[in-house]
Amino acid sequence: MTKSQITLVTLAILLLFTSAYYNTPADGRVGYQAPELLLGNEDDDIHLNAWRGQYVLVTFWASAQPESRIANMRYDRAASQLAVKHLSVNLDESERLWKQLVAVDGLASGGQRHCELSHHSALRRVWRQNGTFCSFLIAPDGKIVSKNPSLRDLRQL
């Protein structure tokens, strides 16, 4: 074998072995590993990674955008009937307003969390929110499989 052939074979073997250990980076796009999300309230914290092994629906919403609030209510009710965990992240400035909306909308309190205003920009950047609110369906392996899934999609899980 020539020197160039040996180099080419060596590079191919290195590529083969290193690609097996490559993890998709965390990113708020379909097909990527979901970014870590840690949110708490007075009672407990929720780590998104703690729900690995289950389908998880993460919904970002705010009362200023009625469509996101309505979608959050629909997802919350669907998740209670399906094998899907629902993590609802409110991005309102007022935590007091959020608590009132959870009560008025009849939301399951266990998966409802409010995000502090100081964390909004980092959260939007990592989850690629770009000023819009949306939901992400995360597979048991931690990868985002769908953005704004329909209720029919959730029922098929």
Protein backbone atom coordinates (compact mmCIF):
# COMPACT_ATOMS: atom_id res chain seq x y z
CA MET A 1 0.00 0.00 0.00
CA THR A 2 1.15 3.46 -0.74
CA LYS A 3 1.48 6.15 1.86
CA SER A 4 -1.59 8.03 0.58
CA GLN A 5 -3.71 4.86 0.69
CA ILE A 6 -2.64 4.17 4.28
CA THR A 7 -3.50 7.75 5.24
CA LEU A 8 -6.90 7.49 3.56
CA VAL A 9 -7.71 4.17 5.29
CA THR A 10 -6.58 5.56 8.66
CA LEU A 11 -8.80 8.64 8.25
CA ALA A 12 -11.76 6.47 7.24
CA ILE A 13 -11.32 4.26 10.32
CA LEU A 14 -11.03 7.32 12.60
CA LEU A 15 -14.16 8.80 11.07
CA LEU A 16 -16.04 5.55 11.53
CA PHE A 17 -15.11 5.18 15.20
CA THR A 18 -15.55 8.82 16.19
CA SER A 19 -18.95 9.18 14.49
CA ALA A 20 -20.32 6.43 16.72
CA TYR A 21 -19.61 8.59 19.78
CA TYR A 22 -20.96 11.84 18.37
CA ASN A 23 -24.04 13.17 20.16
CA THR A 24 -26.36 15.63 18.48
CA PRO A 25 -25.89 18.99 20.20
CA ALA A 26 -28.72 20.45 22.26
CA ASP A 27 -30.75 22.84 20.17
CA GLY A 28 -34.38 23.91 19.93
CA ARG A 29 -34.85 22.44 16.44
CA VAL A 30 -36.52 19.27 15.26
CA GLY A 31 -34.05 16.39 15.13
CA TYR A 32 -31.76 17.82 17.80
CA GLN A 33 -31.34 16.93 21.45
CA ALA A 34 -33.68 19.11 23.53
CA PRO A 35 -31.85 21.70 25.63
CA GLU A 36 -31.87 21.15 29.38
CA LEU A 37 -34.65 22.97 31.12
CA LEU A 38 -34.78 23.47 34.88
CA LEU A 39 -37.76 25.31 36.31
CA GLY A 40 -39.00 25.51 39.85
CA ASN A 41 -41.78 26.79 42.03
CA GLU A 42 -42.27 26.97 45.78
CA ASP A 43 -42.82 23.22 46.01
CA ASP A 44 -40.35 21.56 43.66
CA ASP A 45 -38.10 21.81 40.62
CA ILE A 46 -38.65 20.17 37.27
CA HIS A 47 -35.69 18.94 35.25
CA LEU A 48 -36.60 18.08 31.68
CA ASN A 49 -33.94 15.35 31.67
CA ALA A 50 -35.67 13.68 34.62
CA TRP A 51 -38.53 12.79 32.25
CA ARG A 52 -36.26 10.89 29.85
CA GLY A 53 -37.84 7.67 28.69
CA GLN A 54 -41.23 9.34 28.21
CA TYR A 55 -42.75 11.59 25.60
CA VAL A 56 -42.72 15.17 26.85
CA LEU A 57 -44.51 18.17 25.42
CA VAL A 58 -42.89 21.50 26.31
CA THR A 59 -45.13 24.51 25.69
CA PHE A 60 -43.96 28.12 25.87
CA TRP A 61 -46.79 30.63 26.23
CA ALA A 62 -47.82 34.06 27.49
CA SER A 63 -51.15 35.71 28.19
CA ALA A 64 -50.28 38.50 25.75
CA GLN A 65 -50.59 35.99 22.91
CA PRO A 66 -54.06 34.41 23.14
CA GLU A 67 -53.24 31.67 20.60
CA SER A 68 -50.44 30.37 22.80
CA ARG A 69 -52.66 30.42 25.89
CA ILE A 70 -55.41 28.46 24.09
CA ALA A 71 -52.86 25.98 22.71
CA ASN A 72 -51.47 25.51 26.22
CA MET A 73 -54.94 24.70 27.55
CA ARG A 74 -55.55 22.17 24.75
CA TYR A 75 -52.19 20.49 25.25
CA ASP A 76 -52.67 20.38 29.03
CA ARG A 77 -56.03 18.63 28.70
CA ALA A 78 -54.74 16.23 26.03
CA ALA A 79 -51.66 15.31 28.08
CA SER A 80 -53.81 14.39 31.06
CA GLN A 81 -55.59 11.79 28.89
CA LEU A 82 -52.55 10.52 26.96
CA ALA A 83 -49.17 9.00 27.77
CA VAL A 84 -47.45 12.39 27.43
CA LYS A 85 -45.92 14.56 30.13
CA HIS A 86 -46.69 18.26 29.69
CA LEU A 87 -44.32 20.97 30.82
CA SER A 88 -45.93 24.36 30.42
CA VAL A 89 -43.56 27.35 30.62
CA ASN A 90 -45.18 30.74 31.10
CA LEU A 91 -43.23 33.78 29.92
CA ASP A 92 -45.40 36.52 31.44
CA GLU A 93 -43.66 39.22 33.41
CA SER A 94 -45.98 38.77 36.39
CA GLU A 95 -45.91 35.52 38.33
CA ARG A 96 -49.10 36.60 40.08
CA LEU A 97 -50.91 36.89 36.72
CA TRP A 98 -49.62 33.44 35.75
CA LYS A 99 -50.99 31.88 38.96
CA GLN A 100 -54.38 33.44 38.31
CA LEU A 101 -54.43 32.14 34.73
CA VAL A 102 -53.54 28.60 35.87
CA ALA A 103 -56.56 28.70 38.19
CA VAL A 104 -58.94 30.36 35.69
CA ASP A 105 -57.95 28.08 32.81
CA GLY A 106 -58.23 24.96 34.99
CA LEU A 107 -54.69 23.79 34.21
CA ALA A 108 -53.05 20.84 35.93
CA SER A 109 -50.75 22.56 38.39
CA GLY A 110 -47.99 19.88 38.44
CA GLY A 111 -46.47 20.72 35.06
CA GLN A 112 -47.09 24.48 35.07
CA ARG A 113 -44.07 26.70 35.62
CA HIS A 114 -43.35 30.41 35.39
CA CYS A 115 -40.02 31.58 33.98
CA GLU A 116 -38.38 34.56 35.63
CA LEU A 117 -38.06 37.62 33.40
CA SER A 118 -34.26 37.57 33.78
CA HIS A 119 -34.14 34.13 32.06
CA HIS A 120 -36.42 34.93 29.10
CA SER A 121 -33.75 35.95 26.59
CA ALA A 122 -31.52 32.94 27.32
CA LEU A 123 -34.49 30.58 27.13
CA ARG A 124 -35.67 32.04 23.82
CA ARG A 125 -32.16 31.84 22.36
CA VAL A 126 -31.55 28.20 23.33
CA TRP A 127 -35.03 27.06 22.27
CA ARG A 128 -34.94 29.30 19.15
CA GLN A 129 -38.14 31.11 20.06
CA ASN A 130 -37.47 34.28 18.02
CA GLY A 131 -40.28 36.13 19.77
CA THR A 132 -42.93 33.51 18.99
CA PHE A 133 -44.38 30.98 21.35
CA CYS A 134 -44.63 27.32 20.50
CA SER A 135 -44.56 23.72 21.67
CA PHE A 136 -42.02 20.96 21.21
CA LEU A 137 -42.69 17.23 21.35
CA ILE A 138 -39.66 15.45 22.78
CA ALA A 139 -39.17 11.71 22.26
CA PRO A 140 -38.10 9.33 25.06
CA ASP A 141 -34.49 9.58 23.84
CA GLY A 142 -34.50 13.37 24.41
CA LYS A 143 -34.65 14.47 20.77
CA ILE A 144 -37.19 16.99 19.52
CA VAL A 145 -39.45 15.16 17.07
CA SER A 146 -42.05 17.81 16.33
CA LYS A 147 -42.74 21.51 16.69
CA ASN A 148 -46.35 22.52 17.43
CA PRO A 149 -47.71 18.97 17.08
CA SER A 150 -51.41 18.50 16.43
CA LEU A 151 -53.62 16.76 18.96
CA ARG A 152 -53.99 13.94 16.44
CA ASP A 153 -50.19 13.52 16.42
CA LEU A 154 -50.22 13.23 20.21
CA ARG A 155 -52.99 10.64 20.18
CA GLN A 156 -50.93 8.46 17.83
CA LEU A 157 -48.06 8.10 20.30
